[in-house]
Amino acid sequence: MPTHNAYVSGSDFKTGSVISVATKAFELGDTLSIEFPDKTRASGAVTSASPNEIEVDINGVTWRLRPHAPSDGTVHNNLAGTNASFWTVQTKV
């Protein structure tokens, strides 16, 4: 399964955080390599995926993410590139 680089807009992965990822679609089993602004990293596995919602397990905690609107890379420190998609962390599941 592919690994996608994901960049968190803030210093913590929490409800309301915005994530930029260099992909538009996820599949079950994909891996997210999550990078924070201070260059620390975490890894997550996609446990559920649809065009409107993904669930990611990070260290035994599952988080639900939904597409972020508007997807303005200048506002959210887009490090994923021109084809990035933006996701908002909704809640722990």
C-alpha atoms as a PDB file:
ATOM      1  CA  MET A   1       0.000   0.000   0.000  1.00  0.00           C
ATOM      2  CA  PRO A   2       1.226   3.534  -0.713  1.00  0.00           C
ATOM      3  CA  THR A   3       2.638   5.938   1.840  1.00  0.00           C
ATOM      4  CA  HIS A   4       1.422   9.540   1.656  1.00  0.00           C
ATOM      5  CA  ASN A   5       3.235  12.497   3.200  1.00  0.00           C
ATOM      6  CA  ALA A   6       0.846  14.506   5.363  1.00  0.00           C
ATOM      7  CA  TYR A   7       1.667  17.898   6.826  1.00  0.00           C
ATOM      8  CA  VAL A   8      -0.102  19.252   9.917  1.00  0.00           C
ATOM      9  CA  SER A   9      -0.841  22.992   9.929  1.00  0.00           C
ATOM     10  CA  GLY A  10      -0.354  23.326  13.701  1.00  0.00           C
ATOM     11  CA  SER A  11       1.876  21.893  16.381  1.00  0.00           C
ATOM     12  CA  ASP A  12      -0.549  19.124  17.379  1.00  0.00           C
ATOM     13  CA  PHE A  13      -2.820  16.555  15.732  1.00  0.00           C
ATOM     14  CA  LYS A  14      -6.186  17.403  17.279  1.00  0.00           C
ATOM     15  CA  THR A  15      -9.786  18.274  16.414  1.00  0.00           C
ATOM     16  CA  GLY A  16      -9.693  21.245  14.037  1.00  0.00           C
ATOM     17  CA  SER A  17      -6.169  20.621  12.729  1.00  0.00           C
ATOM     18  CA  VAL A  18      -5.812  20.939   8.956  1.00  0.00           C
ATOM     19  CA  ILE A  19      -3.710  18.377   7.111  1.00  0.00           C
ATOM     20  CA  SER A  20      -2.306  18.819   3.588  1.00  0.00           C
ATOM     21  CA  VAL A  21      -1.625  15.624   1.643  1.00  0.00           C
ATOM     22  CA  ALA A  22      -0.227  15.172  -1.861  1.00  0.00           C
ATOM     23  CA  THR A  23      -3.102  12.928  -2.948  1.00  0.00           C
ATOM     24  CA  LYS A  24      -6.791  13.323  -3.674  1.00  0.00           C
ATOM     25  CA  ALA A  25      -7.866   9.764  -2.787  1.00  0.00           C
ATOM     26  CA  PHE A  26      -7.031   7.264  -0.069  1.00  0.00           C
ATOM     27  CA  GLU A  27      -7.501   3.518   0.120  1.00  0.00           C
ATOM     28  CA  LEU A  28      -7.855   1.168   3.044  1.00  0.00           C
ATOM     29  CA  GLY A  29      -4.387   0.243   4.306  1.00  0.00           C
ATOM     30  CA  ASP A  30      -2.581   3.335   2.987  1.00  0.00           C
ATOM     31  CA  THR A  31       0.007   4.796   5.335  1.00  0.00           C
ATOM     32  CA  LEU A  32       0.290   8.463   6.306  1.00  0.00           C
ATOM     33  CA  SER A  33       3.709   9.805   7.207  1.00  0.00           C
ATOM     34  CA  ILE A  34       2.630  12.767   9.321  1.00  0.00           C
ATOM     35  CA  GLU A  35       5.048  15.684   9.697  1.00  0.00           C
ATOM     36  CA  PHE A  36       4.627  18.537  12.166  1.00  0.00           C
ATOM     37  CA  PRO A  37       6.067  22.064  11.745  1.00  0.00           C
ATOM     38  CA  ASP A  38       8.879  21.267  14.206  1.00  0.00           C
ATOM     39  CA  LYS A  39       9.922  18.354  11.913  1.00  0.00           C
ATOM     40  CA  THR A  40       8.769  15.626  14.337  1.00  0.00           C
ATOM     41  CA  ARG A  41       6.920  12.753  12.692  1.00  0.00           C
ATOM     42  CA  ALA A  42       4.259  10.173  13.367  1.00  0.00           C
ATOM     43  CA  SER A  43       2.825   7.384  11.291  1.00  0.00           C
ATOM     44  CA  GLY A  44      -0.801   6.434  10.721  1.00  0.00           C
ATOM     45  CA  ALA A  45      -2.750   3.769   8.839  1.00  0.00           C
ATOM     46  CA  VAL A  46      -5.968   4.420   6.918  1.00  0.00           C
ATOM     47  CA  THR A  47      -8.612   2.129   8.443  1.00  0.00           C
ATOM     48  CA  SER A  48     -11.600   3.461   6.472  1.00  0.00           C
ATOM     49  CA  ALA A  49     -11.709   5.507   3.273  1.00  0.00           C
ATOM     50  CA  SER A  50     -14.273   7.236   1.081  1.00  0.00           C
ATOM     51  CA  PRO A  51     -14.147  10.458  -0.968  1.00  0.00           C
ATOM     52  CA  ASN A  52     -15.830  12.344   1.900  1.00  0.00           C
ATOM     53  CA  GLU A  53     -14.190  10.825   4.957  1.00  0.00           C
ATOM     54  CA  ILE A  54     -11.172   8.854   6.089  1.00  0.00           C
ATOM     55  CA  GLU A  55     -10.309   7.287   9.405  1.00  0.00           C
ATOM     56  CA  VAL A  56      -6.675   7.049  10.421  1.00  0.00           C
ATOM     57  CA  ASP A  57      -5.186   5.019  13.278  1.00  0.00           C
ATOM     58  CA  ILE A  58      -2.251   6.794  14.916  1.00  0.00           C
ATOM     59  CA  ASN A  59      -0.639   4.923  17.805  1.00  0.00           C
ATOM     60  CA  GLY A  60      -3.854   3.058  18.624  1.00  0.00           C
ATOM     61  CA  VAL A  61      -6.117   6.131  18.408  1.00  0.00           C
ATOM     62  CA  THR A  62      -8.489   6.432  15.446  1.00  0.00           C
ATOM     63  CA  TRP A  63      -9.207   9.902  14.056  1.00  0.00           C
ATOM     64  CA  ARG A  64     -11.877  10.877  11.517  1.00  0.00           C
ATOM     65  CA  LEU A  65     -10.892  13.402   8.831  1.00  0.00           C
ATOM     66  CA  ARG A  66     -13.125  15.129   6.291  1.00  0.00           C
ATOM     67  CA  PRO A  67     -12.270  17.336   3.306  1.00  0.00           C
ATOM     68  CA  HIS A  68     -11.457  20.886   4.296  1.00  0.00           C
ATOM     69  CA  ALA A  69     -13.070  23.832   2.557  1.00  0.00           C
ATOM     70  CA  PRO A  70     -11.878  26.150   1.333  1.00  0.00           C
ATOM     71  CA  SER A  71      -8.636  24.450   0.347  1.00  0.00           C
ATOM     72  CA  ASP A  72      -6.363  27.460   0.431  1.00  0.00           C
ATOM     73  CA  GLY A  73      -2.734  26.389   0.622  1.00  0.00           C
ATOM     74  CA  THR A  74      -1.503  29.867   1.466  1.00  0.00           C
ATOM     75  CA  VAL A  75      -3.579  29.855   4.644  1.00  0.00           C
ATOM     76  CA  HIS A  76      -2.686  26.330   5.748  1.00  0.00           C
ATOM     77  CA  ASN A  77       1.056  26.212   5.057  1.00  0.00           C
ATOM     78  CA  ASN A  78       0.788  23.760   2.172  1.00  0.00           C
ATOM     79  CA  LEU A  79       3.963  21.685   2.052  1.00  0.00           C
ATOM     80  CA  ALA A  80       2.380  18.895   0.007  1.00  0.00           C
ATOM     81  CA  GLY A  81       2.608  20.657  -3.373  1.00  0.00           C
ATOM     82  CA  THR A  82       0.265  21.951  -6.041  1.00  0.00           C
ATOM     83  CA  ASN A  83      -1.902  18.806  -6.178  1.00  0.00           C
ATOM     84  CA  ALA A  84      -2.553  18.754  -2.437  1.00  0.00           C
ATOM     85  CA  SER A  85      -5.826  17.940  -0.830  1.00  0.00           C
ATOM     86  CA  PHE A  86      -6.740  19.378   2.552  1.00  0.00           C
ATOM     87  CA  TRP A  87      -8.427  17.485   5.367  1.00  0.00           C
ATOM     88  CA  THR A  88      -9.747  18.667   8.727  1.00  0.00           C
ATOM     89  CA  VAL A  89      -9.428  16.448  11.778  1.00  0.00           C
ATOM     90  CA  GLN A  90     -12.998  16.000  13.015  1.00  0.00           C
ATOM     91  CA  THR A  91     -12.912  13.796  16.100  1.00  0.00           C
ATOM     92  CA  LYS A  92     -11.512  10.714  17.791  1.00  0.00           C
ATOM     93  CA  VAL A  93     -13.563   7.649  16.947  1.00  0.00           C
END
